[in-house]
Each structure stands twice: as structure tokens, then as C-alpha cells.
Amino acid sequence: MGTSPSSCCASNLGDASEMVKDSNVPGRFGKDSHTFENGATYTGEWKGTCRHGKGAQIWPDGARYEGDWIDDKATGSGRFEHVDGDVYEGQWRDDKAHGHGTYYHADGSKYEGQWQDDKQHGQGTEMWPDGAKYTGSYVHGNKSGPGHFAWADGSSYQGEFLNNDIHGAGIYKWSDGRKFDGQWARNRMHGFGQFSWVDGRSYEGQYVSDQKDGEGIFRWPDGRQYDGQWKNGKQHGIGIYCTARGDKRRGEWEEGRRTCWLGPAEPQKTENDGQT
């Protein structure tokens, strides 16, 4: 169920104005080219000693930014090409990705959506080369809030996320047809939920760390039912077993096996005695 996004730091500009501050920059207006003491070269528009307007800057390591500048900072629309092949194209404010933009990873994955202070923040869509896709909310670089994640194998999740984990209320559908609708904690079923299987079986009740644990009802497609206590994914404690004919018996179970009936008579031996 891994949901972690590829790391996105759109700019890596740091504070571009500090990186290239140079006492030898002459006052100028209009277009001109200047190479700074750190080896970076800027070609574009100026306002006095500040890069201001349209311009492109190339760093000694090959990184490149082309776009809008205001008072010596990348602000407006622009494109930043990282040395490793990653590219960010979109809106900027004070040398940071801010607003709407798209980050292209060299491995083929990409993120398109909202940014704040160089981090994914707001609504966005992330896609991977294998076909996996996430659409939803981001908070300070992490998937947090409502979202939808579709995996390459056909499984999907619709619901709440927290810091890149499935966390809160949501529906997970497996590629083989199984489905869980309920509470999650750190990528695990945890709390109340409903689980259904393709063959018609279903469980409704409490979960702890992916295991049926607490009170819950298990139903078979032939009409049988167990309503009672569970522990570590197995019937454990007191429960009521209902046969396919509707006869009910109260009994005690231990680690998935019935140990005794707590009533006057057992159901017919032709009936399954409620072991999952």
C-alpha cells in the first residue's frame, strides 16, 4: 500500500539573490548579460543592480532557470532545470515554487498542482511510470486530507490521508474484488469497518492493526452468521452463532475454534459450527 510520493523540491535555488550577490554588478536597465563571482551567468532584463523582468540564469553545475524575476528573485512564471534531469515549470514567488506548477522527475513520474514555499500544498495530481496515480490534497509536501490513489495492479483507495499514509475514513478496493470500507490508521485497517469478499462473505465490526479484534459480525453467503468477540483476526470469546435455518446458539470460542455451547442443545452436526 505504499503511497509515498517522489521527493519534490522544485527549485533548489535557495536564495538566488544571496547566491549570486556580487559587488561588481553595475547598475543597468534593459537587457544585458553578467557572470557573477560564483560562476553563474544571468542574461536578461535588469532594474539597477537587480535582475528584474524576463531572464535566464545558468549555474556552474548546469542547473538553469528561465522566467520572470522581480527585485533579484525568481517571481512569476518560470522553468527550473535540475542537474539530475528533474524539471519544474510553473509559478514562483521569492525563489520558491509557489502557485500552480508541474514537476517532472527524470524517472518519468510527475506532479501537477498547487505549491507553497517550494512544497506540494493544496490540490494536485501525482503520476508514476507504472500507471499509478494519486489525485487529492497535499499539506506541506505530503498527501494529507481527502484523496484517491489508484495502483498499477488495479487496486484503489478513496478516502483520507495523513502524511502520505492512509489514515482516517476510506474505502480500499483490491484488484481481486475484496473491499474494506471503514477506519484506517497508518495504512492499516483500524477501528470500525466493513470487509467483503467476492464469494459473498462479509465482516462488520472492529479492527486493530489489520486484524478483526473486538466486537464483530461475520456472515457467510449461505446465511450462517457469527456475532461476537474477536481477537487477532479469529473468533475469541463469547458469541452467538446462527445457522442457515435461523437457529441461534450462544457459545464460547478460543482462537477461532468453538470450545463449548452455552445453551441446552447443539445445532445439527450437518451444520458448520461457525468456524471461519
C-alpha atoms as a PDB file:
ATOM      1  CA  MET A   1       0.000   0.000   0.000  1.00  0.00           C
ATOM      2  CA  GLY A   2       2.968   2.319  -0.321  1.00  0.00           C
ATOM      3  CA  THR A   3       1.820   5.840  -1.075  1.00  0.00           C
ATOM      4  CA  SER A   4       4.900   7.947  -0.599  1.00  0.00           C
ATOM      5  CA  PRO A   5       5.488  10.452  -3.402  1.00  0.00           C
ATOM      6  CA  SER A   6       8.775  11.020  -5.113  1.00  0.00           C
ATOM      7  CA  SER A   7      10.668  13.784  -3.364  1.00  0.00           C
ATOM      8  CA  CYS A   8       9.866  17.178  -4.842  1.00  0.00           C
ATOM      9  CA  CYS A   9      11.885  20.279  -4.153  1.00  0.00           C
ATOM     10  CA  ALA A  10      11.019  22.413  -7.110  1.00  0.00           C
ATOM     11  CA  SER A  11      13.738  24.993  -7.177  1.00  0.00           C
ATOM     12  CA  ASN A  12      16.929  24.214  -5.281  1.00  0.00           C
ATOM     13  CA  LEU A  13      17.590  27.865  -5.976  1.00  0.00           C
ATOM     14  CA  GLY A  14      17.999  28.523  -2.302  1.00  0.00           C
ATOM     15  CA  ASP A  15      18.049  32.282  -2.097  1.00  0.00           C
ATOM     16  CA  ALA A  16      19.229  33.093  -5.589  1.00  0.00           C
ATOM     17  CA  SER A  17      19.877  36.699  -4.722  1.00  0.00           C
ATOM     18  CA  GLU A  18      22.334  35.707  -1.985  1.00  0.00           C
ATOM     19  CA  MET A  19      23.992  33.014  -4.068  1.00  0.00           C
ATOM     20  CA  VAL A  20      24.971  35.459  -6.759  1.00  0.00           C
ATOM     21  CA  LYS A  21      25.320  38.719  -4.837  1.00  0.00           C
ATOM     22  CA  ASP A  22      28.257  40.455  -6.419  1.00  0.00           C
ATOM     23  CA  SER A  23      29.614  43.890  -5.649  1.00  0.00           C
ATOM     24  CA  ASN A  24      30.794  44.153  -9.244  1.00  0.00           C
ATOM     25  CA  VAL A  25      27.289  44.192 -10.713  1.00  0.00           C
ATOM     26  CA  PRO A  26      26.913  47.560 -12.444  1.00  0.00           C
ATOM     27  CA  GLY A  27      23.651  49.471 -12.358  1.00  0.00           C
ATOM     28  CA  ARG A  28      21.754  48.882 -15.578  1.00  0.00           C
ATOM     29  CA  PHE A  29      18.332  48.831 -17.213  1.00  0.00           C
ATOM     30  CA  GLY A  30      17.047  46.752 -20.114  1.00  0.00           C
ATOM     31  CA  LYS A  31      18.670  43.525 -21.295  1.00  0.00           C
ATOM     32  CA  ASP A  32      22.237  42.556 -20.519  1.00  0.00           C
ATOM     33  CA  SER A  33      24.403  39.593 -19.529  1.00  0.00           C
ATOM     34  CA  HIS A  34      26.567  39.262 -16.435  1.00  0.00           C
ATOM     35  CA  THR A  35      28.672  36.468 -14.916  1.00  0.00           C
ATOM     36  CA  PHE A  36      28.815  36.526 -11.124  1.00  0.00           C
ATOM     37  CA  GLU A  37      31.722  35.655  -8.857  1.00  0.00           C
ATOM     38  CA  ASN A  38      30.262  32.201  -8.174  1.00  0.00           C
ATOM     39  CA  GLY A  39      30.275  31.415 -11.900  1.00  0.00           C
ATOM     40  CA  ALA A  40      26.543  31.788 -12.516  1.00  0.00           C
ATOM     41  CA  THR A  41      25.632  33.726 -15.646  1.00  0.00           C
ATOM     42  CA  TYR A  42      22.449  35.756 -15.988  1.00  0.00           C
ATOM     43  CA  THR A  43      21.160  37.053 -19.288  1.00  0.00           C
ATOM     44  CA  GLY A  44      18.059  39.178 -19.333  1.00  0.00           C
ATOM     45  CA  GLU A  45      16.393  42.297 -18.034  1.00  0.00           C
ATOM     46  CA  TRP A  46      17.631  44.420 -15.141  1.00  0.00           C
ATOM     47  CA  LYS A  47      16.465  47.169 -12.868  1.00  0.00           C
ATOM     48  CA  GLY A  48      19.556  48.831 -11.494  1.00  0.00           C
ATOM     49  CA  THR A  49      21.651  46.057  -9.930  1.00  0.00           C
ATOM     50  CA  CYS A  50      18.700  43.676  -9.664  1.00  0.00           C
ATOM     51  CA  ARG A  51      17.561  41.030 -12.079  1.00  0.00           C
ATOM     52  CA  HIS A  52      14.075  42.257 -12.938  1.00  0.00           C
ATOM     53  CA  GLY A  53      11.828  41.183 -15.802  1.00  0.00           C
ATOM     54  CA  LYS A  54      12.475  38.293 -18.156  1.00  0.00           C
ATOM     55  CA  GLY A  55      15.768  36.470 -17.834  1.00  0.00           C
ATOM     56  CA  ALA A  56      17.706  33.218 -17.731  1.00  0.00           C
ATOM     57  CA  GLN A  57      20.406  32.127 -15.304  1.00  0.00           C
ATOM     58  CA  ILE A  58      22.786  29.192 -15.668  1.00  0.00           C
ATOM     59  CA  TRP A  59      24.773  27.858 -12.693  1.00  0.00           C
ATOM     60  CA  PRO A  60      28.248  26.307 -12.979  1.00  0.00           C
ATOM     61  CA  ASP A  61      26.845  22.818 -12.300  1.00  0.00           C
ATOM     62  CA  GLY A  62      24.480  23.134 -15.270  1.00  0.00           C
ATOM     63  CA  ALA A  63      21.269  23.997 -13.431  1.00  0.00           C
ATOM     64  CA  ARG A  64      19.190  26.563 -15.311  1.00  0.00           C
ATOM     65  CA  TYR A  65      16.281  28.896 -14.564  1.00  0.00           C
ATOM     66  CA  GLU A  66      14.430  30.859 -17.199  1.00  0.00           C
ATOM     67  CA  GLY A  67      11.467  33.062 -16.489  1.00  0.00           C
ATOM     68  CA  ASP A  68      10.295  36.062 -14.518  1.00  0.00           C
ATOM     69  CA  TRP A  69      12.341  37.976 -11.954  1.00  0.00           C
ATOM     70  CA  ILE A  70      11.267  40.696  -9.533  1.00  0.00           C
ATOM     71  CA  ASP A  71      13.827  42.551  -7.424  1.00  0.00           C
ATOM     72  CA  ASP A  72      16.506  39.872  -7.878  1.00  0.00           C
ATOM     73  CA  LYS A  73      14.234  36.918  -7.087  1.00  0.00           C
ATOM     74  CA  ALA A  74      12.523  34.345  -9.279  1.00  0.00           C
ATOM     75  CA  THR A  75       8.919  35.531  -9.067  1.00  0.00           C
ATOM     76  CA  GLY A  76       6.154  34.961 -11.595  1.00  0.00           C
ATOM     77  CA  SER A  77       6.295  32.177 -14.175  1.00  0.00           C
ATOM     78  CA  GLY A  78       9.445  30.199 -14.862  1.00  0.00           C
ATOM     79  CA  ARG A  79      11.167  26.908 -15.576  1.00  0.00           C
ATOM     80  CA  PHE A  80      13.968  25.397 -13.493  1.00  0.00           C
ATOM     81  CA  GLU A  81      16.059  22.526 -14.853  1.00  0.00           C
ATOM     82  CA  HIS A  82      17.907  20.467 -12.246  1.00  0.00           C
ATOM     83  CA  VAL A  83      21.278  18.882 -12.903  1.00  0.00           C
ATOM     84  CA  ASP A  84      19.786  15.401 -12.385  1.00  0.00           C
ATOM     85  CA  GLY A  85      17.225  15.955 -15.150  1.00  0.00           C
ATOM     86  CA  ASP A  86      14.256  16.918 -12.989  1.00  0.00           C
ATOM     87  CA  VAL A  87      12.300  19.959 -14.190  1.00  0.00           C
ATOM     88  CA  TYR A  88       9.845  22.311 -12.504  1.00  0.00           C
ATOM     89  CA  GLU A  89       7.704  24.577 -14.637  1.00  0.00           C
ATOM     90  CA  GLY A  90       5.139  26.921 -13.172  1.00  0.00           C
ATOM     91  CA  GLN A  91       4.643  29.802 -10.790  1.00  0.00           C
ATOM     92  CA  TRP A  92       7.263  31.222  -8.434  1.00  0.00           C
ATOM     93  CA  ARG A  93       7.487  33.599  -5.504  1.00  0.00           C
ATOM     94  CA  ASP A  94      10.731  34.718  -3.842  1.00  0.00           C
ATOM     95  CA  ASP A  95      12.873  31.988  -5.460  1.00  0.00           C
ATOM     96  CA  LYS A  96      10.427  29.220  -4.499  1.00  0.00           C
ATOM     97  CA  ALA A  97       7.770  27.263  -6.346  1.00  0.00           C
ATOM     98  CA  HIS A  98       4.542  28.929  -5.272  1.00  0.00           C
ATOM     99  CA  GLY A  99       1.174  28.667  -7.002  1.00  0.00           C
ATOM    100  CA  HIS A 100       0.375  26.225  -9.769  1.00  0.00           C
ATOM    101  CA  GLY A 101       3.153  24.197 -11.350  1.00  0.00           C
ATOM    102  CA  THR A 102       4.323  20.872 -12.720  1.00  0.00           C
ATOM    103  CA  TYR A 103       7.354  18.926 -11.509  1.00  0.00           C
ATOM    104  CA  TYR A 104       8.768  16.357 -13.938  1.00  0.00           C
ATOM    105  CA  HIS A 105      11.070  13.694 -12.480  1.00  0.00           C
ATOM    106  CA  ALA A 106      13.797  12.205 -14.625  1.00  0.00           C
ATOM    107  CA  ASP A 107      12.373   8.733 -13.896  1.00  0.00           C
ATOM    108  CA  GLY A 108       9.104   9.642 -15.650  1.00  0.00           C
ATOM    109  CA  SER A 109       6.955  10.428 -12.630  1.00  0.00           C
ATOM    110  CA  LYS A 110       5.405  13.863 -12.277  1.00  0.00           C
ATOM    111  CA  TYR A 111       3.319  16.090 -10.030  1.00  0.00           C
ATOM    112  CA  GLU A 112       0.941  18.758 -11.261  1.00  0.00           C
ATOM    113  CA  GLY A 113      -0.897  21.036  -8.891  1.00  0.00           C
ATOM    114  CA  GLN A 114      -0.539  23.640  -6.191  1.00  0.00           C
ATOM    115  CA  TRP A 115       2.695  24.642  -4.445  1.00  0.00           C
ATOM    116  CA  GLN A 116       3.522  26.733  -1.409  1.00  0.00           C
ATOM    117  CA  ASP A 117       7.060  27.702  -0.395  1.00  0.00           C
ATOM    118  CA  ASP A 118       8.642  25.019  -2.603  1.00  0.00           C
ATOM    119  CA  LYS A 119       6.377  22.213  -1.363  1.00  0.00           C
ATOM    120  CA  GLN A 120       3.308  20.490  -2.762  1.00  0.00           C
ATOM    121  CA  HIS A 121       0.433  22.171  -0.955  1.00  0.00           C
ATOM    122  CA  GLY A 122      -3.238  22.186  -1.940  1.00  0.00           C
ATOM    123  CA  GLN A 123      -4.820  20.110  -4.679  1.00  0.00           C
ATOM    124  CA  GLY A 124      -2.611  18.102  -7.003  1.00  0.00           C
ATOM    125  CA  THR A 125      -2.151  15.009  -9.127  1.00  0.00           C
ATOM    126  CA  GLU A 126       0.863  12.715  -9.000  1.00  0.00           C
ATOM    127  CA  MET A 127       1.553  10.052 -11.629  1.00  0.00           C
ATOM    128  CA  TRP A 128       4.144   7.276 -11.897  1.00  0.00           C
ATOM    129  CA  PRO A 129       5.579   5.448 -14.940  1.00  0.00           C
ATOM    130  CA  ASP A 130       3.899   2.156 -13.952  1.00  0.00           C
ATOM    131  CA  GLY A 131       0.458   3.784 -14.199  1.00  0.00           C
ATOM    132  CA  ALA A 132      -0.128   4.513 -10.505  1.00  0.00           C
ATOM    133  CA  LYS A 133      -1.893   7.814  -9.872  1.00  0.00           C
ATOM    134  CA  TYR A 134      -2.876   9.957  -6.895  1.00  0.00           C
ATOM    135  CA  THR A 135      -5.296  12.880  -7.023  1.00  0.00           C
ATOM    136  CA  GLY A 136      -6.130  14.827  -3.920  1.00  0.00           C
ATOM    137  CA  SER A 137      -4.942  17.091  -1.155  1.00  0.00           C
ATOM    138  CA  TYR A 138      -1.365  17.885  -0.103  1.00  0.00           C
ATOM    139  CA  VAL A 139      -0.137  19.670   3.012  1.00  0.00           C
ATOM    140  CA  HIS A 140       3.478  20.889   3.186  1.00  0.00           C
ATOM    141  CA  GLY A 141       4.732  18.287   0.717  1.00  0.00           C
ATOM    142  CA  ASN A 142       2.740  15.295   1.987  1.00  0.00           C
ATOM    143  CA  LYS A 143      -0.508  13.707   0.910  1.00  0.00           C
ATOM    144  CA  SER A 144      -2.895  14.784   3.666  1.00  0.00           C
ATOM    145  CA  GLY A 145      -6.664  15.132   3.513  1.00  0.00           C
ATOM    146  CA  PRO A 146      -9.097  13.592   1.034  1.00  0.00           C
ATOM    147  CA  GLY A 147      -7.655  11.840  -1.998  1.00  0.00           C
ATOM    148  CA  HIS A 148      -7.841   8.966  -4.443  1.00  0.00           C
ATOM    149  CA  PHE A 149      -4.940   6.600  -5.124  1.00  0.00           C
ATOM    150  CA  ALA A 150      -5.025   4.043  -7.942  1.00  0.00           C
ATOM    151  CA  TRP A 151      -2.256   1.427  -8.084  1.00  0.00           C
ATOM    152  CA  ALA A 152      -0.881  -0.224 -11.200  1.00  0.00           C
ATOM    153  CA  ASP A 153      -2.286  -3.628 -10.166  1.00  0.00           C
ATOM    154  CA  GLY A 154      -5.865  -2.316 -10.264  1.00  0.00           C
ATOM    155  CA  SER A 155      -6.374  -1.754  -6.539  1.00  0.00           C
ATOM    156  CA  SER A 156      -7.536   1.660  -5.338  1.00  0.00           C
ATOM    157  CA  TYR A 157      -8.225   3.736  -2.253  1.00  0.00           C
ATOM    158  CA  GLN A 158     -10.640   6.645  -1.833  1.00  0.00           C
ATOM    159  CA  GLY A 159     -10.567   8.494   1.462  1.00  0.00           C
ATOM    160  CA  GLU A 160      -8.416  10.286   3.989  1.00  0.00           C
ATOM    161  CA  PHE A 161      -4.614  10.522   4.046  1.00  0.00           C
ATOM    162  CA  LEU A 162      -2.215  11.874   6.662  1.00  0.00           C
ATOM    163  CA  ASN A 163       1.486  12.494   5.978  1.00  0.00           C
ATOM    164  CA  ASN A 164       1.443  10.117   2.989  1.00  0.00           C
ATOM    165  CA  ASP A 165      -0.297   7.340   4.941  1.00  0.00           C
ATOM    166  CA  ILE A 166      -3.823   6.008   4.508  1.00  0.00           C
ATOM    167  CA  HIS A 167      -5.306   7.379   7.706  1.00  0.00           C
ATOM    168  CA  GLY A 168      -8.914   8.121   8.639  1.00  0.00           C
ATOM    169  CA  ALA A 169     -12.083   7.017   6.872  1.00  0.00           C
ATOM    170  CA  GLY A 170     -11.798   5.437   3.451  1.00  0.00           C
ATOM    171  CA  ILE A 171     -12.617   2.659   1.013  1.00  0.00           C
ATOM    172  CA  TYR A 172      -9.898   0.318  -0.236  1.00  0.00           C
ATOM    173  CA  LYS A 173     -10.661  -1.984  -3.171  1.00  0.00           C
ATOM    174  CA  TRP A 174      -8.305  -4.833  -4.018  1.00  0.00           C
ATOM    175  CA  SER A 175      -7.794  -5.964  -7.591  1.00  0.00           C
ATOM    176  CA  ASP A 176      -9.277  -9.389  -6.724  1.00  0.00           C
ATOM    177  CA  GLY A 177     -12.606  -7.819  -5.707  1.00  0.00           C
ATOM    178  CA  ARG A 178     -12.192  -7.589  -1.943  1.00  0.00           C
ATOM    179  CA  LYS A 179     -13.282  -4.314  -0.346  1.00  0.00           C
ATOM    180  CA  PHE A 180     -12.888  -2.602   3.012  1.00  0.00           C
ATOM    181  CA  ASP A 181     -14.942   0.450   3.957  1.00  0.00           C
ATOM    182  CA  GLY A 182     -14.019   1.912   7.304  1.00  0.00           C
ATOM    183  CA  GLN A 183     -11.374   3.420   9.539  1.00  0.00           C
ATOM    184  CA  TRP A 184      -7.621   3.350   8.912  1.00  0.00           C
ATOM    185  CA  ALA A 185      -4.514   4.192  10.931  1.00  0.00           C
ATOM    186  CA  ARG A 186      -1.092   4.407   9.267  1.00  0.00           C
ATOM    187  CA  ASN A 187      -2.009   2.197   6.291  1.00  0.00           C
ATOM    188  CA  ARG A 188      -3.772  -0.415   8.423  1.00  0.00           C
ATOM    189  CA  MET A 189      -7.445  -1.184   8.977  1.00  0.00           C
ATOM    190  CA  HIS A 190      -8.025   0.125  12.472  1.00  0.00           C
ATOM    191  CA  GLY A 191     -11.361   0.923  14.081  1.00  0.00           C
ATOM    192  CA  PHE A 192     -14.819   0.118  12.774  1.00  0.00           C
ATOM    193  CA  GLY A 193     -15.224  -1.163   9.235  1.00  0.00           C
ATOM    194  CA  GLN A 194     -16.948  -3.448   6.768  1.00  0.00           C
ATOM    195  CA  PHE A 195     -14.976  -6.028   4.792  1.00  0.00           C
ATOM    196  CA  SER A 196     -16.466  -8.000   1.909  1.00  0.00           C
ATOM    197  CA  TRP A 197     -15.155 -10.912  -0.176  1.00  0.00           C
ATOM    198  CA  VAL A 198     -16.033 -11.836  -3.750  1.00  0.00           C
ATOM    199  CA  ASP A 199     -17.587 -15.146  -2.656  1.00  0.00           C
ATOM    200  CA  GLY A 200     -20.215 -13.327  -0.568  1.00  0.00           C
ATOM    201  CA  ARG A 201     -18.622 -13.492   2.870  1.00  0.00           C
ATOM    202  CA  SER A 202     -18.585 -10.285   4.890  1.00  0.00           C
ATOM    203  CA  TYR A 203     -17.450  -8.926   8.231  1.00  0.00           C
ATOM    204  CA  GLU A 204     -18.721  -5.855  10.035  1.00  0.00           C
ATOM    205  CA  GLY A 205     -17.054  -4.745  13.230  1.00  0.00           C
ATOM    206  CA  GLN A 206     -13.859  -3.672  14.925  1.00  0.00           C
ATOM    207  CA  TYR A 207     -10.304  -3.937  13.590  1.00  0.00           C
ATOM    208  CA  VAL A 208      -6.944  -3.479  15.285  1.00  0.00           C
ATOM    209  CA  SER A 209      -3.858  -3.235  13.059  1.00  0.00           C
ATOM    210  CA  ASP A 210      -5.435  -5.078  10.109  1.00  0.00           C
ATOM    211  CA  GLN A 211      -6.943  -7.826  12.311  1.00  0.00           C
ATOM    212  CA  LYS A 212     -10.551  -8.407  13.339  1.00  0.00           C
ATOM    213  CA  ASP A 213     -10.425  -7.530  17.017  1.00  0.00           C
ATOM    214  CA  GLY A 214     -13.258  -6.621  19.375  1.00  0.00           C
ATOM    215  CA  GLU A 215     -16.952  -6.995  18.555  1.00  0.00           C
ATOM    216  CA  GLY A 216     -17.950  -8.034  15.058  1.00  0.00           C
ATOM    217  CA  ILE A 217     -20.387  -9.918  12.843  1.00  0.00           C
ATOM    218  CA  PHE A 218     -19.189 -12.429  10.246  1.00  0.00           C
ATOM    219  CA  ARG A 219     -21.695 -13.553   7.608  1.00  0.00           C
ATOM    220  CA  TRP A 220     -21.470 -16.488   5.187  1.00  0.00           C
ATOM    221  CA  PRO A 221     -23.199 -16.457   1.787  1.00  0.00           C
ATOM    222  CA  ASP A 222     -25.405 -19.440   2.797  1.00  0.00           C
ATOM    223  CA  GLY A 223     -26.994 -17.406   5.599  1.00  0.00           C
ATOM    224  CA  ARG A 224     -24.873 -18.509   8.560  1.00  0.00           C
ATOM    225  CA  GLN A 225     -23.651 -15.825  10.918  1.00  0.00           C
ATOM    226  CA  TYR A 226     -21.358 -15.313  13.892  1.00  0.00           C
ATOM    227  CA  ASP A 227     -21.939 -12.274  16.102  1.00  0.00           C
ATOM    228  CA  GLY A 228     -19.474 -11.881  18.924  1.00  0.00           C
ATOM    229  CA  GLN A 229     -15.953 -11.299  20.108  1.00  0.00           C
ATOM    230  CA  TRP A 230     -12.740 -11.456  18.079  1.00  0.00           C
ATOM    231  CA  LYS A 231      -9.029 -11.313  18.798  1.00  0.00           C
ATOM    232  CA  ASN A 232      -6.078 -11.228  16.382  1.00  0.00           C
ATOM    233  CA  GLY A 233      -8.340 -11.981  13.435  1.00  0.00           C
ATOM    234  CA  LYS A 234     -10.055 -15.003  14.995  1.00  0.00           C
ATOM    235  CA  GLN A 235     -13.261 -15.675  16.933  1.00  0.00           C
ATOM    236  CA  HIS A 236     -12.258 -15.457  20.558  1.00  0.00           C
ATOM    237  CA  GLY A 237     -14.632 -15.053  23.480  1.00  0.00           C
ATOM    238  CA  ILE A 238     -18.416 -15.166  23.683  1.00  0.00           C
ATOM    239  CA  GLY A 239     -20.518 -15.138  20.532  1.00  0.00           C
ATOM    240  CA  ILE A 240     -23.855 -16.072  19.020  1.00  0.00           C
ATOM    241  CA  TYR A 241     -23.866 -18.454  16.081  1.00  0.00           C
ATOM    242  CA  CYS A 242     -26.835 -18.515  13.726  1.00  0.00           C
ATOM    243  CA  THR A 243     -27.355 -21.480  11.394  1.00  0.00           C
ATOM    244  CA  ALA A 244     -28.546 -21.214   7.805  1.00  0.00           C
ATOM    245  CA  ARG A 245     -32.035 -22.211   9.068  1.00  0.00           C
ATOM    246  CA  GLY A 246     -32.036 -19.326  11.528  1.00  0.00           C
ATOM    247  CA  ASP A 247     -31.374 -21.319  14.721  1.00  0.00           C
ATOM    248  CA  LYS A 248     -29.239 -19.369  17.189  1.00  0.00           C
ATOM    249  CA  ARG A 249     -26.870 -20.690  19.840  1.00  0.00           C
ATOM    250  CA  ARG A 250     -24.636 -18.905  22.275  1.00  0.00           C
ATOM    251  CA  GLY A 251     -21.144 -20.291  22.661  1.00  0.00           C
ATOM    252  CA  GLU A 252     -17.538 -19.683  23.545  1.00  0.00           C
ATOM    253  CA  TRP A 253     -14.644 -19.614  21.083  1.00  0.00           C
ATOM    254  CA  GLU A 254     -10.886 -19.683  21.509  1.00  0.00           C
ATOM    255  CA  GLU A 255      -8.508 -18.718  18.686  1.00  0.00           C
ATOM    256  CA  GLY A 256     -11.103 -19.462  16.031  1.00  0.00           C
ATOM    257  CA  ARG A 257     -12.433 -22.737  17.461  1.00  0.00           C
ATOM    258  CA  ARG A 258     -15.627 -23.235  19.403  1.00  0.00           C
ATOM    259  CA  THR A 259     -14.841 -24.713  22.818  1.00  0.00           C
ATOM    260  CA  CYS A 260     -18.405 -25.121  24.097  1.00  0.00           C
ATOM    261  CA  TRP A 261     -22.022 -24.183  23.679  1.00  0.00           C
ATOM    262  CA  LEU A 262     -23.552 -22.142  26.457  1.00  0.00           C
ATOM    263  CA  GLY A 263     -27.033 -23.474  25.811  1.00  0.00           C
ATOM    264  CA  PRO A 264     -29.138 -26.623  26.196  1.00  0.00           C
ATOM    265  CA  ALA A 265     -28.570 -28.180  22.769  1.00  0.00           C
ATOM    266  CA  GLU A 266     -26.169 -28.000  19.825  1.00  0.00           C
ATOM    267  CA  PRO A 267     -27.265 -27.449  16.223  1.00  0.00           C
ATOM    268  CA  GLN A 268     -27.379 -30.448  13.913  1.00  0.00           C
ATOM    269  CA  LYS A 269     -23.992 -31.929  13.093  1.00  0.00           C
ATOM    270  CA  THR A 270     -24.581 -31.368   9.373  1.00  0.00           C
ATOM    271  CA  GLU A 271     -24.198 -27.644  10.012  1.00  0.00           C
ATOM    272  CA  ASN A 272     -20.818 -25.940  10.115  1.00  0.00           C
ATOM    273  CA  ASP A 273     -20.367 -24.818  13.722  1.00  0.00           C
ATOM    274  CA  GLY A 274     -19.298 -21.265  12.933  1.00  0.00           C
ATOM    275  CA  GLN A 275     -15.565 -21.609  12.459  1.00  0.00           C
ATOM    276  CA  THR A 276     -14.165 -19.220   9.892  1.00  0.00           C
END
